[in-house]
Amino acid sequence: MSFLIRSGVAGLAVGAALFGAAGLAAADDTPAPPNCTAADLAGVMGGVNIATSAYLHTHPQVNDFLTSLKGLPREEVATRMREFGESHPQERDELKGIRQPAADFHDRCG
């Protein structure tokens, strides 16, 4: 269920990923695979973020649920996310589909 959490905080993940990618590039002289630059990541995550926003605006129950997780301990968030995904498989799968380009980027680029 972590994809739902990432969907809720994707903006923070983009910043961390960009800084992480920059650190890796500086530490290793091996060129990144094609289409695996910080700009490519930003483009992929921008699309994921826009699609996530549109989905949450049109699915207020999911938006309300994700919003309710703010400030909870990480373990409790994970438990609630798992329970939500089990009781809302369609929404879980829809959000997973929205996040698929980010997963594909990670698989391809590391």
N, C-alpha and C. Protein backbone atom coordinates (compact mmCIF):
# COMPACT_ATOMS: atom_id res chain seq x y z
N MET A 1 0.80 -1.21 0.00
CA MET A 1 0.00 0.00 0.00
C MET A 1 0.84 1.27 0.00
N SER A 2 2.13 1.14 0.04
CA SER A 2 2.96 2.33 0.11
C SER A 2 2.76 3.26 -1.08
N PHE A 3 2.26 2.76 -2.21
CA PHE A 3 2.02 3.62 -3.37
C PHE A 3 0.98 4.67 -3.04
N LEU A 4 0.03 4.36 -2.17
CA LEU A 4 -0.96 5.38 -1.78
C LEU A 4 -0.30 6.47 -0.95
N ILE A 5 0.56 6.07 -0.06
CA ILE A 5 1.27 7.05 0.74
C ILE A 5 2.10 7.94 -0.17
N ARG A 6 2.83 7.31 -1.09
CA ARG A 6 3.65 8.09 -2.01
C ARG A 6 2.79 9.01 -2.85
N SER A 7 1.60 8.57 -3.20
CA SER A 7 0.71 9.43 -3.97
C SER A 7 0.33 10.66 -3.17
N GLY A 8 0.16 10.48 -1.88
CA GLY A 8 -0.23 11.59 -1.02
C GLY A 8 0.90 12.57 -0.76
N VAL A 9 2.13 12.10 -0.86
CA VAL A 9 3.27 12.96 -0.58
C VAL A 9 4.27 12.96 -1.73
N ALA A 10 3.75 12.84 -2.94
CA ALA A 10 4.62 12.72 -4.11
C ALA A 10 5.51 13.94 -4.30
N GLY A 11 5.03 15.10 -3.95
CA GLY A 11 5.84 16.31 -4.10
C GLY A 11 7.12 16.23 -3.29
N LEU A 12 7.04 15.73 -2.07
CA LEU A 12 8.23 15.57 -1.26
C LEU A 12 9.17 14.54 -1.86
N ALA A 13 8.60 13.49 -2.41
CA ALA A 13 9.41 12.43 -3.01
C ALA A 13 10.18 12.95 -4.22
N VAL A 14 9.57 13.84 -4.99
CA VAL A 14 10.26 14.38 -6.16
C VAL A 14 11.51 15.12 -5.72
N GLY A 15 11.38 15.97 -4.72
CA GLY A 15 12.54 16.71 -4.23
C GLY A 15 13.63 15.79 -3.72
N ALA A 16 13.24 14.80 -2.94
CA ALA A 16 14.22 13.85 -2.42
C ALA A 16 14.87 13.07 -3.54
N ALA A 17 14.08 12.65 -4.50
CA ALA A 17 14.63 11.88 -5.62
C ALA A 17 15.59 12.72 -6.45
N LEU A 18 15.24 13.97 -6.67
CA LEU A 18 16.12 14.83 -7.46
C LEU A 18 17.44 15.05 -6.74
N PHE A 19 17.40 15.32 -5.45
CA PHE A 19 18.63 15.52 -4.71
C PHE A 19 19.40 14.22 -4.59
N GLY A 20 18.69 13.11 -4.43
CA GLY A 20 19.35 11.81 -4.37
C GLY A 20 20.01 11.46 -5.68
N ALA A 21 19.35 11.72 -6.78
CA ALA A 21 19.92 11.45 -8.10
C ALA A 21 21.14 12.32 -8.35
N ALA A 22 21.09 13.55 -7.90
CA ALA A 22 22.23 14.44 -8.08
C ALA A 22 23.42 13.94 -7.28
N GLY A 23 23.16 13.46 -6.08
CA GLY A 23 24.24 12.92 -5.25
C GLY A 23 24.85 11.69 -5.87
N LEU A 24 24.04 10.81 -6.43
CA LEU A 24 24.55 9.61 -7.07
C LEU A 24 25.36 9.95 -8.30
N ALA A 25 24.90 10.90 -9.07
CA ALA A 25 25.62 11.28 -10.28
C ALA A 25 26.98 11.85 -9.94
N ALA A 26 27.06 12.62 -8.87
CA ALA A 26 28.33 13.21 -8.47
C ALA A 26 29.29 12.15 -7.97
N ALA A 27 28.78 11.10 -7.36
CA ALA A 27 29.62 10.07 -6.77
C ALA A 27 30.07 9.04 -7.79
N ASP A 28 29.45 8.97 -8.93
CA ASP A 28 29.73 7.94 -9.93
C ASP A 28 29.85 8.59 -11.30
N ASP A 29 30.95 8.33 -11.99
CA ASP A 29 31.16 8.93 -13.31
C ASP A 29 30.45 8.17 -14.43
N THR A 30 29.77 7.07 -14.10
CA THR A 30 29.04 6.30 -15.10
C THR A 30 27.85 7.11 -15.58
N PRO A 31 27.71 7.29 -16.89
CA PRO A 31 26.57 8.07 -17.36
C PRO A 31 25.25 7.35 -17.06
N ALA A 32 24.25 8.14 -16.80
CA ALA A 32 22.91 7.59 -16.54
C ALA A 32 22.38 6.97 -17.82
N PRO A 33 21.54 5.93 -17.70
CA PRO A 33 20.90 5.37 -18.90
C PRO A 33 20.09 6.47 -19.60
N PRO A 34 19.81 6.28 -20.89
CA PRO A 34 19.01 7.29 -21.61
C PRO A 34 17.67 7.55 -20.92
N ASN A 35 17.26 8.79 -20.95
CA ASN A 35 15.98 9.21 -20.37
C ASN A 35 15.91 8.97 -18.87
N CYS A 36 17.04 9.06 -18.18
CA CYS A 36 17.09 8.86 -16.73
C CYS A 36 17.71 10.07 -16.02
N THR A 37 17.55 11.23 -16.60
CA THR A 37 18.10 12.44 -16.01
C THR A 37 17.14 13.01 -14.97
N ALA A 38 17.62 13.99 -14.24
CA ALA A 38 16.77 14.68 -13.28
C ALA A 38 15.58 15.32 -13.99
N ALA A 39 15.82 15.84 -15.19
CA ALA A 39 14.72 16.45 -15.96
C ALA A 39 13.68 15.40 -16.34
N ASP A 40 14.15 14.21 -16.72
CA ASP A 40 13.22 13.14 -17.06
C ASP A 40 12.40 12.73 -15.84
N LEU A 41 13.07 12.62 -14.70
CA LEU A 41 12.36 12.27 -13.46
C LEU A 41 11.32 13.33 -13.12
N ALA A 42 11.71 14.59 -13.23
CA ALA A 42 10.77 15.67 -12.93
C ALA A 42 9.55 15.61 -13.85
N GLY A 43 9.78 15.31 -15.12
CA GLY A 43 8.66 15.20 -16.05
C GLY A 43 7.73 14.06 -15.71
N VAL A 44 8.31 12.90 -15.38
CA VAL A 44 7.49 11.74 -15.00
C VAL A 44 6.71 12.05 -13.74
N MET A 45 7.39 12.59 -12.73
CA MET A 45 6.72 12.86 -11.47
C MET A 45 5.69 13.98 -11.61
N GLY A 46 5.96 14.94 -12.48
CA GLY A 46 4.97 15.98 -12.73
C GLY A 46 3.68 15.39 -13.27
N GLY A 47 3.80 14.47 -14.22
CA GLY A 47 2.61 13.81 -14.75
C GLY A 47 1.90 12.99 -13.70
N VAL A 48 2.67 12.26 -12.90
CA VAL A 48 2.08 11.46 -11.83
C VAL A 48 1.37 12.37 -10.83
N ASN A 49 2.00 13.47 -10.47
CA ASN A 49 1.39 14.39 -9.50
C ASN A 49 0.10 15.01 -10.04
N ILE A 50 0.10 15.42 -11.29
CA ILE A 50 -1.10 16.01 -11.89
C ILE A 50 -2.23 14.97 -11.93
N ALA A 51 -1.90 13.75 -12.35
CA ALA A 51 -2.92 12.70 -12.42
C ALA A 51 -3.43 12.34 -11.03
N THR A 52 -2.53 12.33 -10.05
CA THR A 52 -2.95 12.03 -8.67
C THR A 52 -3.88 13.12 -8.15
N SER A 53 -3.52 14.37 -8.41
CA SER A 53 -4.36 15.48 -7.98
C SER A 53 -5.75 15.39 -8.60
N ALA A 54 -5.80 15.14 -9.90
CA ALA A 54 -7.11 15.02 -10.57
C ALA A 54 -7.91 13.87 -9.97
N TYR A 55 -7.25 12.75 -9.73
CA TYR A 55 -7.94 11.59 -9.16
C TYR A 55 -8.49 11.93 -7.77
N LEU A 56 -7.68 12.54 -6.94
CA LEU A 56 -8.12 12.85 -5.58
C LEU A 56 -9.25 13.88 -5.56
N HIS A 57 -9.21 14.83 -6.49
CA HIS A 57 -10.30 15.81 -6.57
C HIS A 57 -11.61 15.17 -7.02
N THR A 58 -11.52 14.10 -7.78
CA THR A 58 -12.74 13.44 -8.26
C THR A 58 -13.13 12.22 -7.41
N HIS A 59 -12.34 11.93 -6.41
CA HIS A 59 -12.62 10.83 -5.47
C HIS A 59 -12.46 11.35 -4.05
N PRO A 60 -13.43 12.16 -3.60
CA PRO A 60 -13.27 12.84 -2.31
C PRO A 60 -13.08 11.90 -1.13
N GLN A 61 -13.63 10.68 -1.20
CA GLN A 61 -13.46 9.76 -0.08
C GLN A 61 -11.99 9.33 0.05
N VAL A 62 -11.30 9.15 -1.07
CA VAL A 62 -9.88 8.80 -1.04
C VAL A 62 -9.07 10.01 -0.59
N ASN A 63 -9.41 11.18 -1.10
CA ASN A 63 -8.74 12.41 -0.70
C ASN A 63 -8.88 12.63 0.81
N ASP A 64 -10.09 12.46 1.33
CA ASP A 64 -10.31 12.64 2.77
C ASP A 64 -9.52 11.62 3.58
N PHE A 65 -9.49 10.37 3.10
CA PHE A 65 -8.74 9.35 3.81
C PHE A 65 -7.25 9.70 3.87
N LEU A 66 -6.66 10.02 2.71
CA LEU A 66 -5.24 10.35 2.69
C LEU A 66 -4.94 11.58 3.54
N THR A 67 -5.82 12.56 3.49
CA THR A 67 -5.64 13.76 4.29
C THR A 67 -5.67 13.43 5.78
N SER A 68 -6.49 12.47 6.16
CA SER A 68 -6.61 12.11 7.58
C SER A 68 -5.35 11.46 8.14
N LEU A 69 -4.42 11.05 7.28
CA LEU A 69 -3.20 10.38 7.74
C LEU A 69 -2.12 11.35 8.20
N LYS A 70 -2.30 12.61 7.88
CA LYS A 70 -1.29 13.61 8.22
C LYS A 70 -1.02 13.60 9.72
N GLY A 71 0.25 13.52 10.07
CA GLY A 71 0.67 13.61 11.45
C GLY A 71 0.64 12.30 12.22
N LEU A 72 0.16 11.24 11.63
CA LEU A 72 0.12 9.96 12.32
C LEU A 72 1.49 9.30 12.29
N PRO A 73 1.79 8.47 13.26
CA PRO A 73 3.06 7.74 13.22
C PRO A 73 3.13 6.83 12.00
N ARG A 74 4.32 6.64 11.50
CA ARG A 74 4.55 5.87 10.27
C ARG A 74 3.91 4.48 10.33
N GLU A 75 4.04 3.80 11.46
CA GLU A 75 3.48 2.46 11.61
C GLU A 75 1.96 2.47 11.49
N GLU A 76 1.33 3.48 12.07
CA GLU A 76 -0.12 3.59 12.00
C GLU A 76 -0.57 3.92 10.58
N VAL A 77 0.19 4.76 9.89
CA VAL A 77 -0.12 5.07 8.50
C VAL A 77 -0.08 3.80 7.67
N ALA A 78 0.98 3.01 7.85
CA ALA A 78 1.12 1.76 7.08
C ALA A 78 -0.06 0.83 7.35
N THR A 79 -0.47 0.71 8.60
CA THR A 79 -1.59 -0.16 8.95
C THR A 79 -2.88 0.34 8.31
N ARG A 80 -3.13 1.62 8.43
CA ARG A 80 -4.36 2.18 7.84
C ARG A 80 -4.36 2.08 6.33
N MET A 81 -3.19 2.27 5.72
CA MET A 81 -3.09 2.15 4.27
C MET A 81 -3.40 0.72 3.82
N ARG A 82 -2.86 -0.23 4.52
CA ARG A 82 -3.10 -1.64 4.19
C ARG A 82 -4.59 -1.95 4.31
N GLU A 83 -5.21 -1.51 5.39
CA GLU A 83 -6.63 -1.75 5.61
C GLU A 83 -7.47 -1.06 4.53
N PHE A 84 -7.10 0.17 4.18
CA PHE A 84 -7.84 0.89 3.15
C PHE A 84 -7.75 0.16 1.81
N GLY A 85 -6.54 -0.25 1.45
CA GLY A 85 -6.36 -0.96 0.19
C GLY A 85 -7.12 -2.26 0.12
N GLU A 86 -7.18 -2.97 1.25
CA GLU A 86 -7.92 -4.23 1.28
C GLU A 86 -9.42 -4.00 1.15
N SER A 87 -9.90 -2.92 1.72
CA SER A 87 -11.34 -2.65 1.67
C SER A 87 -11.76 -1.81 0.46
N HIS A 88 -10.79 -1.28 -0.27
CA HIS A 88 -11.06 -0.47 -1.47
C HIS A 88 -10.12 -0.90 -2.60
N PRO A 89 -10.26 -2.13 -3.08
CA PRO A 89 -9.31 -2.62 -4.09
C PRO A 89 -9.35 -1.84 -5.40
N GLN A 90 -10.51 -1.35 -5.80
CA GLN A 90 -10.58 -0.60 -7.06
C GLN A 90 -9.76 0.68 -6.95
N GLU A 91 -9.94 1.43 -5.87
CA GLU A 91 -9.20 2.67 -5.69
C GLU A 91 -7.70 2.37 -5.57
N ARG A 92 -7.34 1.31 -4.85
CA ARG A 92 -5.94 0.92 -4.71
C ARG A 92 -5.34 0.68 -6.09
N ASP A 93 -6.05 -0.07 -6.92
CA ASP A 93 -5.53 -0.40 -8.25
C ASP A 93 -5.48 0.83 -9.16
N GLU A 94 -6.46 1.71 -9.03
CA GLU A 94 -6.45 2.94 -9.85
C GLU A 94 -5.26 3.81 -9.50
N LEU A 95 -5.00 3.97 -8.21
CA LEU A 95 -3.85 4.77 -7.79
C LEU A 95 -2.53 4.10 -8.18
N LYS A 96 -2.49 2.80 -8.10
CA LYS A 96 -1.30 2.08 -8.52
C LYS A 96 -1.04 2.33 -10.01
N GLY A 97 -2.10 2.33 -10.81
CA GLY A 97 -1.97 2.62 -12.23
C GLY A 97 -1.46 4.03 -12.49
N ILE A 98 -1.93 4.98 -11.71
CA ILE A 98 -1.46 6.36 -11.85
C ILE A 98 0.02 6.45 -11.55
N ARG A 99 0.47 5.71 -10.55
CA ARG A 99 1.88 5.74 -10.13
C ARG A 99 2.79 4.88 -11.00
N GLN A 100 2.22 4.09 -11.90
CA GLN A 100 3.04 3.15 -12.68
C GLN A 100 4.19 3.81 -13.44
N PRO A 101 4.00 5.00 -14.03
CA PRO A 101 5.14 5.63 -14.71
C PRO A 101 6.32 5.90 -13.77
N ALA A 102 6.05 6.23 -12.53
CA ALA A 102 7.13 6.44 -11.56
C ALA A 102 7.83 5.13 -11.24
N ALA A 103 7.05 4.06 -11.08
CA ALA A 103 7.63 2.74 -10.82
C ALA A 103 8.47 2.30 -12.01
N ASP A 104 7.97 2.53 -13.23
CA ASP A 104 8.71 2.17 -14.43
C ASP A 104 10.03 2.94 -14.52
N PHE A 105 9.98 4.23 -14.19
CA PHE A 105 11.20 5.04 -14.19
C PHE A 105 12.20 4.47 -13.20
N HIS A 106 11.74 4.18 -12.01
CA HIS A 106 12.63 3.63 -10.98
C HIS A 106 13.22 2.29 -11.43
N ASP A 107 12.41 1.44 -12.01
CA ASP A 107 12.89 0.14 -12.48
C ASP A 107 13.95 0.30 -13.58
N ARG A 108 13.72 1.26 -14.46
CA ARG A 108 14.62 1.46 -15.58
C ARG A 108 15.90 2.22 -15.19
N CYS A 109 15.75 3.17 -14.29
CA CYS A 109 16.85 4.08 -14.00
C CYS A 109 17.51 3.85 -12.64
N GLY A 110 16.86 3.11 -11.79
CA GLY A 110 17.43 2.84 -10.47
C GLY A 110 17.12 3.89 -9.45
